[in-house]
Structures are given as C-alpha cells and as structure tokens.
Amino acid sequence: MAPDAGPTARLTSAMLVGALRRRVAAAGGFATVIVKGDEISGVILIQTLEKGELSGLFERVSNFAGGHALLRCGPDVGEGVQAIDAYLARRRRSDPDLWVVELDIPQAERFAVETLC
C-alpha cells in the first residue's frame, strides 16, 4: 500500500494572477487587476482587449479532471461595454471573492490559458 502523500498543493488565486500579470508584461502587454478577490481561492475572470478594444470575457473553471479550463462567459462583446460592466457588477454582488483581471495584448486568451489552466 502506497503512503498517503497528503493534500495536493495548489497555487492560490493571487499567485496565478501575479504570474499572469508578469507574463503579459514581459511580452509587452498590459495586465491590470480591476477587482481583487479572495487571495486563496477566488474565482478568476479575465477581460481581454487588443489595442484597447474589448475582445472577450472568460472564466477559469474546473474541468472536473483535476485541472482547469478557460470558458467564455457573460454577454457577447457586440452587446457593448455597458452589458459587460452590468454582468461583472452582478457577478461581484453574488461572489465578492471574485477576481477581475484585464489583459491588453494580442492573443490575450492564449496567455490566460497557458498561465491559468
């Protein structure tokens, strides 16, 4: 019988957001924490932009296989910034531990997937 290795260590939300911000900055982009959530286990939402233009909203979710995935969430970008802002406000009211991070860099979704998943 193999010895119990104990609980699996996992990176905190704050560590993941910090790593994502550093990677984006190192590649010449901008990463800003719009709303700071729970340091340990807050859900992370990523708002992506390219040259200042909103391109998507994504949420880091469990893939139920021990890992994570990044899924598009919220209203369609075509509905405008007001719809996105209203969605984020609703999410914050229901989950005050939520992180909202804005990335302005080409292929922002790729950076988020590579860092958070």
C-alpha atoms as a PDB file:
ATOM      1  CA  MET A   1       0.000   0.000   0.000  1.00  0.00           C
ATOM      2  CA  ALA A   2       1.467   3.372  -1.034  1.00  0.00           C
ATOM      3  CA  PRO A   3       1.842   6.020   1.659  1.00  0.00           C
ATOM      4  CA  ASP A   4      -0.645   8.869   1.575  1.00  0.00           C
ATOM      5  CA  ALA A   5       1.030  11.912   0.040  1.00  0.00           C
ATOM      6  CA  GLY A   6      -1.463  14.206   1.788  1.00  0.00           C
ATOM      7  CA  PRO A   7      -3.395  17.004   0.128  1.00  0.00           C
ATOM      8  CA  THR A   8      -2.269  18.103  -3.291  1.00  0.00           C
ATOM      9  CA  ALA A   9      -0.631  21.532  -3.205  1.00  0.00           C
ATOM     10  CA  ARG A  10      -2.230  24.085  -5.453  1.00  0.00           C
ATOM     11  CA  LEU A  11      -1.438  27.618  -6.463  1.00  0.00           C
ATOM     12  CA  THR A  12      -3.549  30.356  -4.911  1.00  0.00           C
ATOM     13  CA  SER A  13      -5.610  32.766  -6.975  1.00  0.00           C
ATOM     14  CA  ALA A  14      -3.250  35.592  -6.022  1.00  0.00           C
ATOM     15  CA  MET A  15      -0.223  33.585  -7.228  1.00  0.00           C
ATOM     16  CA  LEU A  16      -1.913  32.745 -10.532  1.00  0.00           C
ATOM     17  CA  VAL A  17      -2.942  36.359 -11.158  1.00  0.00           C
ATOM     18  CA  GLY A  18       0.578  37.541 -10.292  1.00  0.00           C
ATOM     19  CA  ALA A  19       2.143  35.062 -12.711  1.00  0.00           C
ATOM     20  CA  LEU A  20      -0.281  36.088 -15.456  1.00  0.00           C
ATOM     21  CA  ARG A  21       0.475  39.789 -14.931  1.00  0.00           C
ATOM     22  CA  ARG A  22       4.238  39.152 -15.109  1.00  0.00           C
ATOM     23  CA  ARG A  23       3.972  37.045 -18.291  1.00  0.00           C
ATOM     24  CA  VAL A  24       1.827  39.634 -20.070  1.00  0.00           C
ATOM     25  CA  ALA A  25       4.135  42.487 -19.011  1.00  0.00           C
ATOM     26  CA  ALA A  26       7.210  40.533 -20.153  1.00  0.00           C
ATOM     27  CA  ALA A  27       5.595  40.159 -23.590  1.00  0.00           C
ATOM     28  CA  GLY A  28       4.957  43.909 -23.864  1.00  0.00           C
ATOM     29  CA  GLY A  29       1.284  43.921 -22.895  1.00  0.00           C
ATOM     30  CA  PHE A  30      -0.706  45.371 -20.022  1.00  0.00           C
ATOM     31  CA  ALA A  31      -2.375  43.398 -17.243  1.00  0.00           C
ATOM     32  CA  THR A  32      -4.432  45.154 -14.611  1.00  0.00           C
ATOM     33  CA  VAL A  33      -6.321  43.814 -11.629  1.00  0.00           C
ATOM     34  CA  ILE A  34      -9.704  45.544 -11.899  1.00  0.00           C
ATOM     35  CA  VAL A  35     -11.100  43.813  -8.805  1.00  0.00           C
ATOM     36  CA  LYS A  36      -9.003  41.938  -6.270  1.00  0.00           C
ATOM     37  CA  GLY A  37     -10.736  38.825  -4.977  1.00  0.00           C
ATOM     38  CA  ASP A  38     -10.001  36.219  -2.361  1.00  0.00           C
ATOM     39  CA  GLU A  39      -6.248  35.605  -2.195  1.00  0.00           C
ATOM     40  CA  ILE A  40      -6.579  31.846  -1.766  1.00  0.00           C
ATOM     41  CA  SER A  41      -9.462  30.554  -3.851  1.00  0.00           C
ATOM     42  CA  GLY A  42     -11.296  33.408  -5.557  1.00  0.00           C
ATOM     43  CA  VAL A  43     -12.767  32.715  -8.995  1.00  0.00           C
ATOM     44  CA  ILE A  44     -10.790  34.487 -11.745  1.00  0.00           C
ATOM     45  CA  LEU A  45     -12.488  36.331 -14.613  1.00  0.00           C
ATOM     46  CA  ILE A  46     -10.318  37.597 -17.467  1.00  0.00           C
ATOM     47  CA  GLN A  47     -11.412  40.543 -19.601  1.00  0.00           C
ATOM     48  CA  THR A  48      -9.401  40.549 -22.827  1.00  0.00           C
ATOM     49  CA  LEU A  49      -8.606  43.525 -25.008  1.00  0.00           C
ATOM     50  CA  GLU A  50      -6.451  44.125 -28.035  1.00  0.00           C
ATOM     51  CA  LYS A  51      -5.234  47.674 -28.564  1.00  0.00           C
ATOM     52  CA  GLY A  52      -7.882  48.892 -26.130  1.00  0.00           C
ATOM     53  CA  GLU A  53     -10.780  47.121 -27.872  1.00  0.00           C
ATOM     54  CA  LEU A  54     -12.741  44.603 -25.803  1.00  0.00           C
ATOM     55  CA  SER A  55     -12.407  41.118 -27.277  1.00  0.00           C
ATOM     56  CA  GLY A  56     -13.870  38.780 -24.663  1.00  0.00           C
ATOM     57  CA  LEU A  57     -14.668  37.782 -21.115  1.00  0.00           C
ATOM     58  CA  PHE A  58     -13.514  34.423 -19.763  1.00  0.00           C
ATOM     59  CA  GLU A  59     -13.783  32.481 -16.518  1.00  0.00           C
ATOM     60  CA  ARG A  60     -11.346  29.967 -15.068  1.00  0.00           C
ATOM     61  CA  VAL A  61     -13.390  26.878 -14.187  1.00  0.00           C
ATOM     62  CA  SER A  62     -12.650  23.357 -13.003  1.00  0.00           C
ATOM     63  CA  ASN A  63     -12.622  20.749 -15.749  1.00  0.00           C
ATOM     64  CA  PHE A  64     -13.536  18.074 -13.144  1.00  0.00           C
ATOM     65  CA  ALA A  65     -10.455  16.054 -14.140  1.00  0.00           C
ATOM     66  CA  GLY A  66      -8.103  17.730 -11.699  1.00  0.00           C
ATOM     67  CA  GLY A  67      -7.336  20.700 -13.915  1.00  0.00           C
ATOM     68  CA  HIS A  68      -8.897  23.901 -15.156  1.00  0.00           C
ATOM     69  CA  ALA A  69     -10.240  25.378 -18.365  1.00  0.00           C
ATOM     70  CA  LEU A  70     -10.936  28.909 -19.557  1.00  0.00           C
ATOM     71  CA  LEU A  71     -14.507  29.363 -20.783  1.00  0.00           C
ATOM     72  CA  ARG A  72     -16.101  32.351 -22.453  1.00  0.00           C
ATOM     73  CA  CYS A  73     -18.720  33.878 -20.171  1.00  0.00           C
ATOM     74  CA  GLY A  74     -21.052  36.841 -19.903  1.00  0.00           C
ATOM     75  CA  PRO A  75     -22.673  38.790 -22.690  1.00  0.00           C
ATOM     76  CA  ASP A  76     -21.340  38.853 -26.228  1.00  0.00           C
ATOM     77  CA  VAL A  77     -18.749  41.572 -26.842  1.00  0.00           C
ATOM     78  CA  GLY A  78     -21.057  43.023 -29.507  1.00  0.00           C
ATOM     79  CA  GLU A  79     -23.534  43.952 -26.776  1.00  0.00           C
ATOM     80  CA  GLY A  80     -21.112  46.639 -25.622  1.00  0.00           C
ATOM     81  CA  VAL A  81     -19.115  47.642 -22.597  1.00  0.00           C
ATOM     82  CA  GLN A  82     -22.237  48.543 -20.600  1.00  0.00           C
ATOM     83  CA  ALA A  83     -23.520  44.964 -20.851  1.00  0.00           C
ATOM     84  CA  ILE A  84     -20.140  43.595 -19.736  1.00  0.00           C
ATOM     85  CA  ASP A  85     -19.988  46.066 -16.833  1.00  0.00           C
ATOM     86  CA  ALA A  86     -23.517  45.106 -15.727  1.00  0.00           C
ATOM     87  CA  TYR A  87     -22.595  41.408 -15.880  1.00  0.00           C
ATOM     88  CA  LEU A  88     -19.455  41.998 -13.804  1.00  0.00           C
ATOM     89  CA  ALA A  89     -21.436  44.002 -11.232  1.00  0.00           C
ATOM     90  CA  ARG A  90     -23.978  41.145 -10.896  1.00  0.00           C
ATOM     91  CA  ARG A  91     -21.203  38.585 -10.522  1.00  0.00           C
ATOM     92  CA  ARG A  92     -19.467  40.695  -7.846  1.00  0.00           C
ATOM     93  CA  ARG A  93     -22.712  41.044  -5.891  1.00  0.00           C
ATOM     94  CA  SER A  94     -23.186  37.269  -5.868  1.00  0.00           C
ATOM     95  CA  ASP A  95     -19.466  36.467  -5.353  1.00  0.00           C
ATOM     96  CA  PRO A  96     -17.491  39.175  -3.525  1.00  0.00           C
ATOM     97  CA  ASP A  97     -14.374  36.932  -3.641  1.00  0.00           C
ATOM     98  CA  LEU A  98     -14.234  37.185  -7.455  1.00  0.00           C
ATOM     99  CA  TRP A  99     -11.123  38.500  -9.243  1.00  0.00           C
ATOM    100  CA  VAL A 100     -11.465  40.549 -12.455  1.00  0.00           C
ATOM    101  CA  VAL A 101      -8.251  40.921 -14.450  1.00  0.00           C
ATOM    102  CA  GLU A 102      -7.933  42.898 -17.678  1.00  0.00           C
ATOM    103  CA  LEU A 103      -5.354  41.862 -20.288  1.00  0.00           C
ATOM    104  CA  ASP A 104      -4.495  44.117 -23.218  1.00  0.00           C
ATOM    105  CA  ILE A 105      -2.197  42.171 -25.504  1.00  0.00           C
ATOM    106  CA  PRO A 106      -2.573  40.294 -28.811  1.00  0.00           C
ATOM    107  CA  GLN A 107      -3.731  36.718 -28.149  1.00  0.00           C
ATOM    108  CA  ALA A 108      -4.691  37.554 -24.552  1.00  0.00           C
ATOM    109  CA  GLU A 109      -6.783  34.408 -24.265  1.00  0.00           C
ATOM    110  CA  ARG A 110      -3.700  32.298 -25.053  1.00  0.00           C
ATOM    111  CA  PHE A 111      -1.724  33.936 -22.249  1.00  0.00           C
ATOM    112  CA  ALA A 112      -4.573  33.291 -19.814  1.00  0.00           C
ATOM    113  CA  VAL A 113      -4.953  29.633 -20.843  1.00  0.00           C
ATOM    114  CA  GLU A 114      -1.219  28.953 -20.649  1.00  0.00           C
ATOM    115  CA  THR A 115      -0.942  30.530 -17.201  1.00  0.00           C
ATOM    116  CA  LEU A 116      -4.225  29.630 -15.507  1.00  0.00           C
ATOM    117  CA  CYS A 117      -5.029  26.181 -16.904  1.00  0.00           C
END
